């Protein structure tokens, strides 16, 4: 019995759809970092008790955690504008991606300046709003056709 692992050549994939796939991968990859860092900060004591060496356990003051959140949010903001560069998206996507990205970044900057569990929860909430909203915008007005 043989199993075919690759898609047939007539699957209709083009380099343009491959590029769109990489854009989605980049957005999801960059989004997960501030999201996960917020969770790790909120539950850092639990991770320590379990013997897991998460970044918040190594960086108890949270300076590095905050800087990483901001850096990933900046990169995410840039990645979310990539569909516009590739010829997709319109004014609705542009306005939505900028608003969502700036809001997520503002929460990360707030955490970086004044580290607390409440601000980490704010970053977590922002991440939970950001991703579904951005993906809806991508479906509606964002991806190149």
Protein backbone atom coordinates (compact mmCIF):
# COMPACT_ATOMS: atom_id res chain seq x y z
CA UNK A 1 0.00 0.00 0.00
CA UNK A 2 1.45 3.35 -0.96
CA UNK A 3 0.50 6.70 0.50
CA UNK A 4 0.84 9.88 -1.50
CA UNK A 5 2.10 12.71 0.71
CA UNK A 6 2.30 15.49 -1.84
CA UNK A 7 -0.52 17.31 -3.53
CA UNK A 8 -1.06 16.62 -7.20
CA UNK A 9 0.33 19.21 -9.59
CA UNK A 10 -3.17 20.19 -10.68
CA UNK A 11 -4.12 21.36 -7.18
CA UNK A 12 -4.23 24.96 -8.37
CA UNK A 13 -1.56 26.32 -6.02
CA UNK A 14 0.40 29.27 -7.25
CA UNK A 15 3.33 31.18 -5.90
CA UNK A 16 0.87 33.94 -4.95
CA UNK A 17 -1.19 31.60 -2.76
CA UNK A 18 2.05 30.23 -1.32
CA UNK A 19 3.08 33.75 -0.38
CA UNK A 20 -0.29 34.36 1.26
CA UNK A 21 0.26 31.19 3.28
CA UNK A 22 3.61 32.52 4.53
CA UNK A 23 1.99 35.83 5.45
CA UNK A 24 -0.61 33.98 7.55
CA UNK A 25 2.13 31.87 9.13
CA UNK A 26 4.09 35.01 10.01
CA UNK A 27 1.08 36.69 11.57
CA UNK A 28 0.21 33.64 13.66
CA UNK A 29 3.82 33.10 14.70
CA UNK A 30 4.32 36.70 15.79
CA UNK A 31 0.91 36.89 17.51
CA UNK A 32 1.56 33.87 19.71
CA UNK A 33 4.62 35.33 21.41
CA UNK A 34 3.06 38.28 23.31
CA UNK A 35 -0.01 36.12 23.92
CA UNK A 36 2.08 33.36 25.49
CA UNK A 37 4.35 35.76 27.39
CA UNK A 38 1.26 37.32 29.00
CA UNK A 39 0.03 33.89 30.08
CA UNK A 40 3.49 32.98 31.38
CA UNK A 41 3.66 36.23 33.38
CA UNK A 42 0.20 35.74 34.89
CA UNK A 43 0.97 32.15 35.92
CA UNK A 44 4.71 32.48 36.57
CA UNK A 45 4.43 31.18 40.16
CA UNK A 46 2.57 28.08 38.95
CA UNK A 47 5.23 27.42 36.30
CA UNK A 48 7.97 27.81 38.92
CA UNK A 49 6.24 25.41 41.32
CA UNK A 50 5.98 22.90 38.47
CA UNK A 51 9.71 23.25 37.81
CA UNK A 52 9.26 24.82 34.37
CA UNK A 53 11.83 27.53 33.65
CA UNK A 54 9.74 30.05 31.72
CA UNK A 55 11.10 33.49 30.87
CA UNK A 56 9.14 35.24 33.66
CA UNK A 57 10.81 32.92 36.19
CA UNK A 58 14.24 33.82 34.82
CA UNK A 59 13.33 37.52 34.56
CA UNK A 60 11.33 38.16 37.77
CA UNK A 61 11.25 41.95 37.28
CA UNK A 62 9.72 41.45 33.82
CA UNK A 63 11.84 43.95 31.92
CA UNK A 64 12.82 41.48 29.22
CA UNK A 65 9.29 40.08 29.03
CA UNK A 66 7.90 43.56 28.41
CA UNK A 67 10.54 44.41 25.80
CA UNK A 68 9.88 41.16 23.95
CA UNK A 69 6.12 41.79 23.98
CA UNK A 70 6.67 45.22 22.44
CA UNK A 71 9.13 43.92 19.83
CA UNK A 72 6.81 41.11 18.75
CA UNK A 73 3.83 43.49 18.59
CA UNK A 74 5.84 45.88 16.37
CA UNK A 75 6.82 43.01 14.08
CA UNK A 76 3.20 41.81 14.07
CA UNK A 77 1.99 45.26 13.07
CA UNK A 78 4.39 45.23 10.12
CA UNK A 79 3.44 41.66 9.15
CA UNK A 80 -0.26 42.49 9.28
CA UNK A 81 0.29 45.18 6.64
CA UNK A 82 2.01 42.75 4.26
CA UNK A 83 -1.23 41.85 2.41
CA UNK A 84 -1.42 45.50 1.34
CA UNK A 85 2.09 45.31 -0.12
CA UNK A 86 1.13 42.11 -1.97
CA UNK A 87 -1.78 43.83 -3.68
CA UNK A 88 -4.57 42.71 -1.38
CA UNK A 89 -6.60 44.65 1.08
CA UNK A 90 -8.37 47.89 0.85
CA UNK A 91 -9.05 50.84 3.10
CA UNK A 92 -11.18 48.78 5.50
CA UNK A 93 -8.38 46.26 6.01
CA UNK A 94 -5.79 49.02 6.37
CA UNK A 95 -7.81 50.89 8.99
CA UNK A 96 -8.68 47.70 10.88
CA UNK A 97 -5.17 46.24 10.85
CA UNK A 98 -3.66 49.53 12.00
CA UNK A 99 -6.25 49.99 14.76
CA UNK A 100 -5.92 46.44 16.04
CA UNK A 101 -2.13 46.49 15.84
CA UNK A 102 -1.77 49.84 17.58
CA UNK A 103 -4.22 48.73 20.30
CA UNK A 104 -2.31 45.49 20.89
CA UNK A 105 0.98 47.40 20.89
CA UNK A 106 -0.39 49.95 23.38
CA UNK A 107 -1.29 47.15 25.79
CA UNK A 108 2.19 45.66 25.44
CA UNK A 109 3.82 49.07 26.01
CA UNK A 110 1.61 49.54 29.08
CA UNK A 111 2.81 46.23 30.46
CA UNK A 112 6.45 47.03 29.63
CA UNK A 113 6.23 50.33 31.53
CA UNK A 114 4.24 49.14 34.56
CA UNK A 115 4.46 45.38 34.94
CA UNK A 116 1.57 43.82 36.79
CA UNK A 117 -0.77 40.88 36.50
CA UNK A 118 -3.60 43.25 35.58
CA UNK A 119 -1.60 44.70 32.67
CA UNK A 120 -0.56 41.21 31.56
CA UNK A 121 -4.26 40.30 31.51
CA UNK A 122 -4.81 43.37 29.36
CA UNK A 123 -2.23 42.09 26.87
CA UNK A 124 -3.89 38.67 26.94
CA UNK A 125 -7.35 40.19 26.29
CA UNK A 126 -5.96 42.34 23.49
CA UNK A 127 -4.41 39.25 21.88
CA UNK A 128 -7.73 37.41 22.09
CA UNK A 129 -9.48 40.29 20.33
CA UNK A 130 -6.69 40.97 17.85
CA UNK A 131 -6.35 37.61 16.13
CA UNK A 132 -9.99 36.77 15.31
CA UNK A 133 -10.68 40.37 14.27
CA UNK A 134 -7.63 40.52 12.00
CA UNK A 135 -8.46 37.15 10.43
CA UNK A 136 -12.01 38.35 9.75
CA UNK A 137 -10.61 41.45 8.07
CA UNK A 138 -8.27 39.27 6.01
CA UNK A 139 -11.18 37.14 4.85
CA UNK A 140 -13.35 40.13 4.08
CA UNK A 141 -10.97 42.64 2.60
CA UNK A 142 -7.37 41.57 2.97
CA UNK A 143 -5.89 38.72 1.03
CA UNK A 144 -4.81 39.19 -2.58
CA UNK A 145 -7.07 37.51 -5.09
